[in-house]
């Protein structure tokens, strides 16, 4: 056996503070929360397209890229 394997075999078993499936459930809930947050930003650029077009026209920007 290698040193690492020997070291791992000699270590004491540490019990987890909760069942293993709970870690997956926590990760899934976090992933869903981040997905919902991302979903709320969908199409945000087009919500105010009239305002953006008016601003671009007033400032002489016809390219639509916002740069000078």
Foldseek 3Di string as FASTA:
>chain_A
DDPVVVVVVPDDDDDDPDDPVVVVVVVVVVVVVVVVVVVVCPPVVVVPVVVLVVVCVVVVNPPSPPDD
